[in-house]
Amino acid sequence: MELKPYKKLTGLDFELSKTVQYTEEFLAQLTSLNFLVGNLIEISVTTTATSFEHKIGKTPVGWIIFDKNTNSNVWRTAWDDRSITLQASLASTIKVWVF
């Protein structure tokens, strides 16, 4: 999921303008947290390293498994600005957040 840019409001009175400014500052802090800006993908991993498109537009800094249907270990063997390559100890379907 890609965060949409914050739309700046103009022509506001002073108090509302300050509220908008504080909101912008708060949102800037949130979007600077790497793990909040990413993409959730559901994929099938196997015992052979397989590459998957992550669609985050940059080389990831991390990934988190949110769900898997087997008791398997999953590890990364490579990644770049377009894909992540994962391998598992058992064939599994997983949901992984790439950020």
N, C-alpha and C. Protein backbone atom coordinates (compact mmCIF):
# COMPACT_ATOMS: atom_id res chain seq x y z
N MET A 1 0.84 -1.17 0.00
CA MET A 1 0.00 0.00 0.00
C MET A 1 0.88 1.23 0.00
N GLU A 2 0.60 2.13 -0.87
CA GLU A 2 1.37 3.36 -0.95
C GLU A 2 0.61 4.49 -0.27
N LEU A 3 1.32 5.23 0.59
CA LEU A 3 0.70 6.39 1.23
C LEU A 3 0.56 7.51 0.22
N LYS A 4 -0.60 8.11 0.18
CA LYS A 4 -0.82 9.23 -0.71
C LYS A 4 -0.27 10.49 -0.06
N PRO A 5 0.23 11.43 -0.85
CA PRO A 5 0.78 12.66 -0.27
C PRO A 5 -0.29 13.45 0.47
N TYR A 6 0.14 14.13 1.50
CA TYR A 6 -0.75 14.97 2.27
C TYR A 6 -1.14 16.18 1.42
N LYS A 7 -2.43 16.49 1.36
CA LYS A 7 -2.90 17.64 0.58
C LYS A 7 -2.95 18.87 1.48
N LYS A 8 -2.17 19.85 1.15
CA LYS A 8 -2.07 21.06 1.95
C LYS A 8 -3.27 21.96 1.70
N LEU A 9 -3.88 22.41 2.79
CA LEU A 9 -5.01 23.33 2.71
C LEU A 9 -4.49 24.76 2.79
N THR A 10 -5.11 25.66 2.07
CA THR A 10 -4.71 27.07 2.08
C THR A 10 -5.92 27.94 2.39
N GLY A 11 -5.64 29.21 2.71
CA GLY A 11 -6.71 30.16 2.94
C GLY A 11 -7.45 29.94 4.25
N LEU A 12 -6.73 29.46 5.28
CA LEU A 12 -7.35 29.16 6.56
C LEU A 12 -7.07 30.27 7.57
N ASP A 13 -7.92 30.38 8.60
CA ASP A 13 -7.64 31.36 9.66
C ASP A 13 -6.44 30.86 10.47
N PHE A 14 -5.94 31.71 11.35
CA PHE A 14 -4.70 31.43 12.07
C PHE A 14 -4.76 30.13 12.87
N GLU A 15 -5.81 29.94 13.66
CA GLU A 15 -5.90 28.76 14.51
C GLU A 15 -6.00 27.47 13.69
N LEU A 16 -6.80 27.48 12.67
CA LEU A 16 -6.91 26.30 11.82
C LEU A 16 -5.61 26.06 11.06
N SER A 17 -4.96 27.13 10.66
CA SER A 17 -3.67 27.02 9.97
C SER A 17 -2.63 26.35 10.86
N LYS A 18 -2.61 26.70 12.16
CA LYS A 18 -1.67 26.09 13.10
C LYS A 18 -2.00 24.60 13.29
N THR A 19 -3.28 24.28 13.35
CA THR A 19 -3.70 22.88 13.49
C THR A 19 -3.23 22.07 12.28
N VAL A 20 -3.39 22.63 11.10
CA VAL A 20 -2.92 21.96 9.88
C VAL A 20 -1.41 21.79 9.93
N GLN A 21 -0.69 22.80 10.38
CA GLN A 21 0.77 22.72 10.48
C GLN A 21 1.19 21.60 11.43
N TYR A 22 0.55 21.51 12.60
CA TYR A 22 0.88 20.45 13.56
C TYR A 22 0.55 19.07 13.00
N THR A 23 -0.54 18.98 12.27
CA THR A 23 -0.92 17.72 11.64
C THR A 23 0.13 17.31 10.61
N GLU A 24 0.59 18.25 9.80
CA GLU A 24 1.62 17.97 8.80
C GLU A 24 2.90 17.49 9.47
N GLU A 25 3.29 18.13 10.56
CA GLU A 25 4.51 17.73 11.27
C GLU A 25 4.37 16.33 11.84
N PHE A 26 3.20 16.02 12.39
CA PHE A 26 2.97 14.68 12.94
C PHE A 26 3.01 13.63 11.84
N LEU A 27 2.34 13.90 10.72
CA LEU A 27 2.33 12.93 9.62
C LEU A 27 3.72 12.74 9.03
N ALA A 28 4.52 13.79 9.00
CA ALA A 28 5.90 13.68 8.50
C ALA A 28 6.70 12.72 9.38
N GLN A 29 6.46 12.77 10.70
CA GLN A 29 7.15 11.84 11.60
C GLN A 29 6.74 10.40 11.29
N LEU A 30 5.45 10.18 11.08
CA LEU A 30 4.97 8.83 10.78
C LEU A 30 5.55 8.29 9.49
N THR A 31 5.54 9.10 8.44
CA THR A 31 6.01 8.61 7.14
C THR A 31 7.52 8.46 7.12
N SER A 32 8.23 8.99 8.11
CA SER A 32 9.68 8.78 8.16
C SER A 32 10.03 7.44 8.80
N LEU A 33 9.05 6.76 9.39
CA LEU A 33 9.29 5.44 9.97
C LEU A 33 9.27 4.41 8.84
N ASN A 34 10.43 3.84 8.55
CA ASN A 34 10.56 2.94 7.40
C ASN A 34 9.54 1.82 7.37
N PHE A 35 9.25 1.22 8.51
CA PHE A 35 8.39 0.04 8.51
C PHE A 35 6.92 0.36 8.24
N LEU A 36 6.52 1.64 8.26
CA LEU A 36 5.14 1.99 7.96
C LEU A 36 4.87 2.16 6.48
N VAL A 37 5.92 2.36 5.71
CA VAL A 37 5.75 2.57 4.27
C VAL A 37 6.28 1.33 3.55
N GLY A 38 5.34 0.48 3.13
CA GLY A 38 5.73 -0.76 2.49
C GLY A 38 4.59 -1.38 1.72
N ASN A 39 4.69 -2.68 1.49
CA ASN A 39 3.68 -3.38 0.72
C ASN A 39 3.49 -4.78 1.31
N LEU A 40 2.23 -5.16 1.52
CA LEU A 40 1.89 -6.50 1.99
C LEU A 40 1.64 -7.39 0.78
N ILE A 41 2.38 -8.48 0.69
CA ILE A 41 2.20 -9.41 -0.43
C ILE A 41 1.94 -10.81 0.11
N GLU A 42 1.09 -11.53 -0.57
CA GLU A 42 0.84 -12.94 -0.24
C GLU A 42 1.49 -13.77 -1.31
N ILE A 43 2.39 -14.64 -0.90
CA ILE A 43 3.19 -15.40 -1.85
C ILE A 43 3.35 -16.84 -1.38
N SER A 44 3.71 -17.71 -2.30
CA SER A 44 4.05 -19.09 -1.98
C SER A 44 5.56 -19.22 -2.09
N VAL A 45 6.17 -19.65 -1.00
CA VAL A 45 7.62 -19.86 -0.98
C VAL A 45 7.89 -21.35 -0.93
N THR A 46 9.02 -21.75 -1.47
CA THR A 46 9.38 -23.16 -1.51
C THR A 46 10.79 -23.35 -0.97
N THR A 47 11.29 -24.56 -1.04
CA THR A 47 12.64 -24.85 -0.58
C THR A 47 13.70 -24.37 -1.58
N THR A 48 13.26 -23.85 -2.70
CA THR A 48 14.14 -23.25 -3.70
C THR A 48 13.97 -21.73 -3.64
N ALA A 49 15.06 -20.99 -3.67
CA ALA A 49 14.99 -19.53 -3.64
C ALA A 49 14.15 -19.02 -4.81
N THR A 50 13.14 -18.19 -4.48
CA THR A 50 12.24 -17.66 -5.49
C THR A 50 12.11 -16.16 -5.31
N SER A 51 12.16 -15.45 -6.43
CA SER A 51 12.09 -14.00 -6.42
C SER A 51 10.66 -13.52 -6.60
N PHE A 52 10.27 -12.47 -5.84
CA PHE A 52 8.94 -11.89 -5.89
C PHE A 52 9.05 -10.38 -6.03
N GLU A 53 8.19 -9.80 -6.85
CA GLU A 53 8.17 -8.35 -7.00
C GLU A 53 7.52 -7.75 -5.74
N HIS A 54 8.19 -6.76 -5.11
CA HIS A 54 7.65 -6.18 -3.88
C HIS A 54 6.93 -4.85 -4.10
N LYS A 55 7.18 -4.16 -5.19
CA LYS A 55 6.49 -2.93 -5.59
C LYS A 55 6.60 -1.78 -4.59
N ILE A 56 7.73 -1.66 -3.89
CA ILE A 56 7.91 -0.51 -3.01
C ILE A 56 8.81 0.57 -3.62
N GLY A 57 9.39 0.27 -4.77
CA GLY A 57 10.14 1.27 -5.52
C GLY A 57 11.51 1.62 -4.96
N LYS A 58 12.03 0.82 -4.06
CA LYS A 58 13.36 1.04 -3.48
C LYS A 58 13.87 -0.29 -2.94
N THR A 59 15.14 -0.36 -2.63
CA THR A 59 15.66 -1.54 -1.98
C THR A 59 15.12 -1.57 -0.56
N PRO A 60 14.49 -2.66 -0.15
CA PRO A 60 13.89 -2.72 1.18
C PRO A 60 14.93 -2.57 2.29
N VAL A 61 14.44 -2.19 3.45
CA VAL A 61 15.29 -2.17 4.64
C VAL A 61 14.90 -3.30 5.59
N GLY A 62 13.76 -3.95 5.31
CA GLY A 62 13.33 -5.06 6.15
C GLY A 62 12.07 -5.71 5.63
N TRP A 63 11.67 -6.78 6.31
CA TRP A 63 10.44 -7.50 5.97
C TRP A 63 9.97 -8.24 7.21
N ILE A 64 8.66 -8.40 7.31
CA ILE A 64 8.04 -9.06 8.46
C ILE A 64 7.00 -10.05 7.94
N ILE A 65 7.05 -11.27 8.44
CA ILE A 65 6.02 -12.26 8.09
C ILE A 65 4.84 -12.05 9.02
N PHE A 66 3.66 -11.86 8.45
CA PHE A 66 2.44 -11.68 9.23
C PHE A 66 1.63 -12.95 9.34
N ASP A 67 1.81 -13.87 8.42
CA ASP A 67 1.04 -15.11 8.46
C ASP A 67 1.76 -16.14 7.62
N LYS A 68 1.71 -17.40 8.05
CA LYS A 68 2.21 -18.50 7.23
C LYS A 68 1.43 -19.75 7.58
N ASN A 69 1.27 -20.61 6.61
CA ASN A 69 0.40 -21.77 6.81
C ASN A 69 1.15 -23.05 7.19
N THR A 70 2.46 -22.95 7.43
CA THR A 70 3.23 -24.11 7.88
C THR A 70 4.20 -23.66 8.97
N ASN A 71 4.75 -24.62 9.67
CA ASN A 71 5.76 -24.32 10.69
C ASN A 71 7.13 -24.38 10.02
N SER A 72 7.41 -23.39 9.21
CA SER A 72 8.65 -23.37 8.44
C SER A 72 9.48 -22.13 8.77
N ASN A 73 10.74 -22.24 8.50
CA ASN A 73 11.61 -21.07 8.56
C ASN A 73 11.66 -20.45 7.18
N VAL A 74 11.64 -19.12 7.13
CA VAL A 74 11.70 -18.40 5.86
C VAL A 74 12.86 -17.41 5.97
N TRP A 75 13.68 -17.36 4.94
CA TRP A 75 14.80 -16.43 4.96
C TRP A 75 14.96 -15.77 3.60
N ARG A 76 15.62 -14.61 3.65
CA ARG A 76 15.88 -13.83 2.44
C ARG A 76 17.25 -14.21 1.91
N THR A 77 17.31 -14.41 0.60
CA THR A 77 18.60 -14.69 -0.03
C THR A 77 19.11 -13.51 -0.85
N ALA A 78 18.20 -12.59 -1.22
CA ALA A 78 18.60 -11.41 -1.99
C ALA A 78 17.44 -10.43 -2.02
N TRP A 79 17.76 -9.16 -2.35
CA TRP A 79 16.73 -8.17 -2.63
C TRP A 79 17.35 -7.00 -3.37
N ASP A 80 16.52 -6.30 -4.09
CA ASP A 80 16.95 -5.09 -4.77
C ASP A 80 15.74 -4.16 -4.85
N ASP A 81 15.82 -3.13 -5.68
CA ASP A 81 14.74 -2.13 -5.74
C ASP A 81 13.47 -2.63 -6.40
N ARG A 82 13.47 -3.85 -6.95
CA ARG A 82 12.27 -4.39 -7.59
C ARG A 82 11.76 -5.68 -6.98
N SER A 83 12.66 -6.47 -6.38
CA SER A 83 12.22 -7.79 -5.92
C SER A 83 12.91 -8.21 -4.63
N ILE A 84 12.31 -9.21 -4.00
CA ILE A 84 12.89 -9.86 -2.83
C ILE A 84 12.90 -11.35 -3.12
N THR A 85 13.98 -12.02 -2.76
CA THR A 85 14.11 -13.45 -2.99
C THR A 85 14.06 -14.16 -1.65
N LEU A 86 13.08 -15.05 -1.51
CA LEU A 86 12.88 -15.78 -0.27
C LEU A 86 12.97 -17.28 -0.51
N GLN A 87 13.32 -17.98 0.55
CA GLN A 87 13.39 -19.44 0.53
C GLN A 87 12.85 -19.94 1.87
N ALA A 88 12.28 -21.13 1.89
CA ALA A 88 11.68 -21.67 3.11
C ALA A 88 12.16 -23.10 3.36
N SER A 89 12.07 -23.51 4.62
CA SER A 89 12.44 -24.89 4.96
C SER A 89 11.35 -25.89 4.53
N LEU A 90 10.10 -25.40 4.40
CA LEU A 90 8.97 -26.17 3.87
C LEU A 90 8.18 -25.26 2.94
N ALA A 91 7.57 -25.83 1.93
CA ALA A 91 6.71 -25.03 1.06
C ALA A 91 5.61 -24.39 1.91
N SER A 92 5.40 -23.08 1.73
CA SER A 92 4.45 -22.34 2.56
C SER A 92 3.81 -21.22 1.76
N THR A 93 2.62 -20.85 2.18
CA THR A 93 2.01 -19.62 1.70
C THR A 93 2.15 -18.62 2.84
N ILE A 94 2.71 -17.45 2.52
CA ILE A 94 2.95 -16.45 3.57
C ILE A 94 2.42 -15.09 3.15
N LYS A 95 2.13 -14.29 4.15
CA LYS A 95 1.86 -12.87 3.96
C LYS A 95 3.05 -12.14 4.56
N VAL A 96 3.70 -11.34 3.75
CA VAL A 96 4.91 -10.66 4.19
C VAL A 96 4.82 -9.17 3.89
N TRP A 97 5.15 -8.36 4.88
CA TRP A 97 5.19 -6.90 4.74
C TRP A 97 6.63 -6.54 4.40
N VAL A 98 6.84 -5.97 3.21
CA VAL A 98 8.16 -5.57 2.77
C VAL A 98 8.22 -4.05 2.88
N PHE A 99 9.27 -3.55 3.55
CA PHE A 99 9.37 -2.09 3.75
C PHE A 99 10.79 -1.60 3.52
